[in-house]
Amino acid sequence: MAELKVSVVSADQEVWVGQAKQIIARTTEGEIGILPGHEPILAVLAAGEVRVTGVDGQVITANAEDGFLSVEHDTVTIVARNAALV
């Protein structure tokens, strides 16, 4: 099964890096779900949670605001001015 390579970073630290099977994030356009094979996208984050489901099924939740989410070739980068694990 395909996996996503995920990196969640804030302005001053790397919050979480790993492999995932799904990501759900709140953007200025609404909530978005990312699965392996997703089309390339660049989205502006809205204040709220980013939920990353790891390949082991564990859900990692981070609060993120003032940033963006980028998807390309099963690589997801989430950059936020403020991000922290919940």
N, C-alpha and C. Protein backbone atom coordinates (compact mmCIF):
# COMPACT_ATOMS: atom_id res chain seq x y z
N MET A 1 0.83 -1.18 0.00
CA MET A 1 0.00 0.00 0.00
C MET A 1 0.88 1.24 0.00
N ALA A 2 0.49 2.24 -0.77
CA ALA A 2 1.24 3.48 -0.84
C ALA A 2 1.13 4.25 0.47
N GLU A 3 2.15 5.05 0.74
CA GLU A 3 2.18 5.84 1.95
C GLU A 3 2.53 7.28 1.62
N LEU A 4 2.21 8.16 2.53
CA LEU A 4 2.57 9.56 2.42
C LEU A 4 3.80 9.83 3.28
N LYS A 5 4.70 10.63 2.78
CA LYS A 5 5.84 11.10 3.56
C LYS A 5 5.43 12.47 4.08
N VAL A 6 5.34 12.61 5.41
CA VAL A 6 4.76 13.82 6.01
C VAL A 6 5.77 14.55 6.87
N SER A 7 5.73 15.87 6.76
CA SER A 7 6.56 16.74 7.60
C SER A 7 5.68 17.88 8.10
N VAL A 8 5.59 18.02 9.42
CA VAL A 8 4.84 19.12 10.03
C VAL A 8 5.88 19.98 10.75
N VAL A 9 5.99 21.24 10.32
CA VAL A 9 6.99 22.13 10.91
C VAL A 9 6.37 23.46 11.28
N SER A 10 6.93 24.07 12.33
CA SER A 10 6.53 25.42 12.70
C SER A 10 7.71 26.34 12.40
N ALA A 11 7.56 27.60 12.71
CA ALA A 11 8.61 28.56 12.40
C ALA A 11 9.94 28.24 13.10
N ASP A 12 9.86 27.59 14.25
CA ASP A 12 11.08 27.37 15.03
C ASP A 12 11.45 25.91 15.31
N GLN A 13 10.63 24.96 14.83
CA GLN A 13 10.96 23.56 15.12
C GLN A 13 10.24 22.59 14.19
N GLU A 14 10.79 21.41 14.10
CA GLU A 14 10.13 20.32 13.38
C GLU A 14 9.21 19.65 14.39
N VAL A 15 7.91 19.63 14.11
CA VAL A 15 6.92 19.12 15.06
C VAL A 15 6.76 17.61 14.92
N TRP A 16 6.64 17.12 13.68
CA TRP A 16 6.48 15.67 13.45
C TRP A 16 6.90 15.33 12.03
N VAL A 17 7.61 14.22 11.88
CA VAL A 17 8.00 13.70 10.56
C VAL A 17 7.79 12.21 10.58
N GLY A 18 7.21 11.67 9.50
CA GLY A 18 7.02 10.23 9.43
C GLY A 18 6.18 9.82 8.24
N GLN A 19 5.82 8.56 8.21
CA GLN A 19 5.00 7.98 7.16
C GLN A 19 3.55 7.95 7.63
N ALA A 20 2.64 8.21 6.72
CA ALA A 20 1.22 8.24 7.08
C ALA A 20 0.38 7.65 5.96
N LYS A 21 -0.85 7.28 6.33
CA LYS A 21 -1.78 6.80 5.31
C LYS A 21 -2.89 7.79 5.03
N GLN A 22 -3.04 8.82 5.88
CA GLN A 22 -4.09 9.82 5.68
C GLN A 22 -3.78 11.09 6.46
N ILE A 23 -4.19 12.24 5.90
CA ILE A 23 -4.08 13.52 6.60
C ILE A 23 -5.40 14.26 6.42
N ILE A 24 -5.85 14.88 7.49
CA ILE A 24 -7.02 15.74 7.43
C ILE A 24 -6.61 17.08 8.03
N ALA A 25 -6.87 18.16 7.28
CA ALA A 25 -6.48 19.50 7.74
C ALA A 25 -7.58 20.50 7.41
N ARG A 26 -7.63 21.56 8.17
CA ARG A 26 -8.59 22.64 7.92
C ARG A 26 -7.87 23.72 7.12
N THR A 27 -8.45 24.06 5.98
CA THR A 27 -7.89 25.12 5.14
C THR A 27 -8.89 26.27 5.06
N THR A 28 -8.49 27.35 4.42
CA THR A 28 -9.39 28.50 4.28
C THR A 28 -10.57 28.16 3.37
N GLU A 29 -10.45 27.08 2.59
CA GLU A 29 -11.53 26.63 1.70
C GLU A 29 -12.40 25.55 2.33
N GLY A 30 -12.03 25.08 3.52
CA GLY A 30 -12.75 24.01 4.20
C GLY A 30 -11.81 22.88 4.56
N GLU A 31 -12.36 21.82 5.13
CA GLU A 31 -11.54 20.68 5.54
C GLU A 31 -11.15 19.86 4.31
N ILE A 32 -9.91 19.36 4.32
CA ILE A 32 -9.41 18.58 3.20
C ILE A 32 -8.81 17.28 3.72
N GLY A 33 -9.01 16.22 2.98
CA GLY A 33 -8.42 14.93 3.28
C GLY A 33 -7.40 14.58 2.21
N ILE A 34 -6.26 14.09 2.62
CA ILE A 34 -5.18 13.72 1.70
C ILE A 34 -4.90 12.23 1.87
N LEU A 35 -4.93 11.50 0.77
CA LEU A 35 -4.57 10.09 0.73
C LEU A 35 -3.43 9.91 -0.28
N PRO A 36 -2.70 8.79 -0.24
CA PRO A 36 -1.67 8.55 -1.24
C PRO A 36 -2.26 8.66 -2.66
N GLY A 37 -1.49 9.26 -3.56
CA GLY A 37 -1.94 9.44 -4.93
C GLY A 37 -2.69 10.74 -5.15
N HIS A 38 -2.82 11.58 -4.12
CA HIS A 38 -3.54 12.83 -4.25
C HIS A 38 -2.86 13.74 -5.27
N GLU A 39 -3.66 14.49 -5.99
CA GLU A 39 -3.15 15.47 -6.95
C GLU A 39 -2.32 16.52 -6.22
N PRO A 40 -1.32 17.11 -6.87
CA PRO A 40 -0.57 18.20 -6.25
C PRO A 40 -1.50 19.34 -5.86
N ILE A 41 -1.24 19.92 -4.71
CA ILE A 41 -2.08 21.01 -4.21
C ILE A 41 -1.25 21.90 -3.28
N LEU A 42 -1.61 23.16 -3.25
CA LEU A 42 -1.06 24.10 -2.29
C LEU A 42 -2.25 24.80 -1.67
N ALA A 43 -2.42 24.68 -0.35
CA ALA A 43 -3.59 25.23 0.33
C ALA A 43 -3.15 26.06 1.53
N VAL A 44 -3.89 27.11 1.82
CA VAL A 44 -3.64 27.96 2.97
C VAL A 44 -4.37 27.37 4.17
N LEU A 45 -3.63 27.18 5.28
CA LEU A 45 -4.23 26.62 6.49
C LEU A 45 -5.09 27.64 7.22
N ALA A 46 -6.18 27.17 7.77
CA ALA A 46 -7.00 27.97 8.69
C ALA A 46 -6.65 27.48 10.10
N ALA A 47 -6.93 28.28 11.10
CA ALA A 47 -6.67 27.86 12.47
C ALA A 47 -7.46 26.59 12.76
N GLY A 48 -6.80 25.60 13.32
CA GLY A 48 -7.48 24.34 13.64
C GLY A 48 -6.51 23.20 13.70
N GLU A 49 -7.06 22.01 13.74
CA GLU A 49 -6.26 20.80 13.88
C GLU A 49 -5.84 20.22 12.53
N VAL A 50 -4.66 19.62 12.56
CA VAL A 50 -4.19 18.77 11.47
C VAL A 50 -4.10 17.38 12.08
N ARG A 51 -4.79 16.41 11.48
CA ARG A 51 -4.78 15.04 11.99
C ARG A 51 -4.05 14.15 10.99
N VAL A 52 -3.01 13.49 11.48
CA VAL A 52 -2.20 12.60 10.65
C VAL A 52 -2.40 11.18 11.16
N THR A 53 -2.87 10.29 10.29
CA THR A 53 -3.02 8.88 10.65
C THR A 53 -1.80 8.15 10.16
N GLY A 54 -0.98 7.70 11.10
CA GLY A 54 0.24 6.98 10.76
C GLY A 54 -0.05 5.62 10.16
N VAL A 55 0.95 5.00 9.58
CA VAL A 55 0.77 3.70 8.95
C VAL A 55 0.38 2.63 9.97
N ASP A 56 0.67 2.87 11.25
CA ASP A 56 0.30 1.92 12.30
C ASP A 56 -1.11 2.19 12.85
N GLY A 57 -1.79 3.22 12.31
CA GLY A 57 -3.14 3.55 12.75
C GLY A 57 -3.20 4.59 13.84
N GLN A 58 -2.06 4.95 14.42
CA GLN A 58 -2.02 5.96 15.46
C GLN A 58 -2.32 7.33 14.84
N VAL A 59 -3.15 8.12 15.51
CA VAL A 59 -3.50 9.46 15.02
C VAL A 59 -2.70 10.50 15.80
N ILE A 60 -1.95 11.30 15.06
CA ILE A 60 -1.18 12.39 15.63
C ILE A 60 -1.95 13.66 15.33
N THR A 61 -2.22 14.46 16.35
CA THR A 61 -2.98 15.69 16.17
C THR A 61 -2.10 16.88 16.52
N ALA A 62 -2.09 17.87 15.63
CA ALA A 62 -1.34 19.09 15.87
C ALA A 62 -2.24 20.28 15.62
N ASN A 63 -2.12 21.30 16.46
CA ASN A 63 -2.79 22.56 16.19
C ASN A 63 -1.88 23.34 15.26
N ALA A 64 -2.44 23.89 14.20
CA ALA A 64 -1.64 24.65 13.24
C ALA A 64 -2.42 25.88 12.81
N GLU A 65 -1.70 26.96 12.59
CA GLU A 65 -2.34 28.19 12.11
C GLU A 65 -1.32 29.02 11.35
N ASP A 66 -1.84 29.88 10.49
CA ASP A 66 -1.01 30.80 9.71
C ASP A 66 0.08 30.07 8.94
N GLY A 67 -0.33 29.22 8.01
CA GLY A 67 0.64 28.50 7.22
C GLY A 67 0.02 27.91 5.98
N PHE A 68 0.66 26.87 5.45
CA PHE A 68 0.16 26.23 4.24
C PHE A 68 0.42 24.74 4.27
N LEU A 69 -0.26 24.06 3.38
CA LEU A 69 -0.12 22.62 3.19
C LEU A 69 0.22 22.40 1.72
N SER A 70 1.25 21.61 1.47
CA SER A 70 1.68 21.34 0.11
C SER A 70 1.72 19.82 -0.10
N VAL A 71 1.18 19.37 -1.25
CA VAL A 71 1.19 17.95 -1.59
C VAL A 71 1.80 17.81 -2.98
N GLU A 72 2.80 16.93 -3.10
CA GLU A 72 3.38 16.62 -4.40
C GLU A 72 4.08 15.28 -4.32
N HIS A 73 3.73 14.37 -5.22
CA HIS A 73 4.34 13.03 -5.30
C HIS A 73 4.33 12.30 -3.96
N ASP A 74 3.17 12.27 -3.29
CA ASP A 74 2.99 11.60 -2.01
C ASP A 74 3.87 12.16 -0.89
N THR A 75 4.34 13.38 -1.07
CA THR A 75 5.07 14.09 -0.02
C THR A 75 4.21 15.26 0.43
N VAL A 76 3.91 15.30 1.72
CA VAL A 76 3.06 16.35 2.28
C VAL A 76 3.90 17.17 3.25
N THR A 77 3.91 18.48 3.02
CA THR A 77 4.61 19.40 3.90
C THR A 77 3.60 20.37 4.46
N ILE A 78 3.57 20.45 5.79
CA ILE A 78 2.68 21.37 6.48
C ILE A 78 3.56 22.34 7.24
N VAL A 79 3.49 23.60 6.86
CA VAL A 79 4.30 24.64 7.48
C VAL A 79 3.36 25.64 8.12
N ALA A 80 3.56 25.90 9.41
CA ALA A 80 2.70 26.85 10.14
C ALA A 80 3.55 27.74 11.01
N ARG A 81 3.11 28.98 11.15
CA ARG A 81 3.84 29.89 12.04
C ARG A 81 3.84 29.33 13.45
N ASN A 82 2.69 28.80 13.86
CA ASN A 82 2.56 28.16 15.16
C ASN A 82 2.03 26.75 14.95
N ALA A 83 2.74 25.75 15.41
CA ALA A 83 2.27 24.37 15.34
C ALA A 83 2.77 23.63 16.58
N ALA A 84 1.89 22.82 17.15
CA ALA A 84 2.26 22.05 18.34
C ALA A 84 1.41 20.79 18.40
N LEU A 85 2.02 19.70 18.86
CA LEU A 85 1.27 18.47 19.05
C LEU A 85 0.28 18.64 20.19
N VAL A 86 -0.89 18.04 20.02
CA VAL A 86 -1.93 18.12 21.04
C VAL A 86 -1.81 16.91 21.94
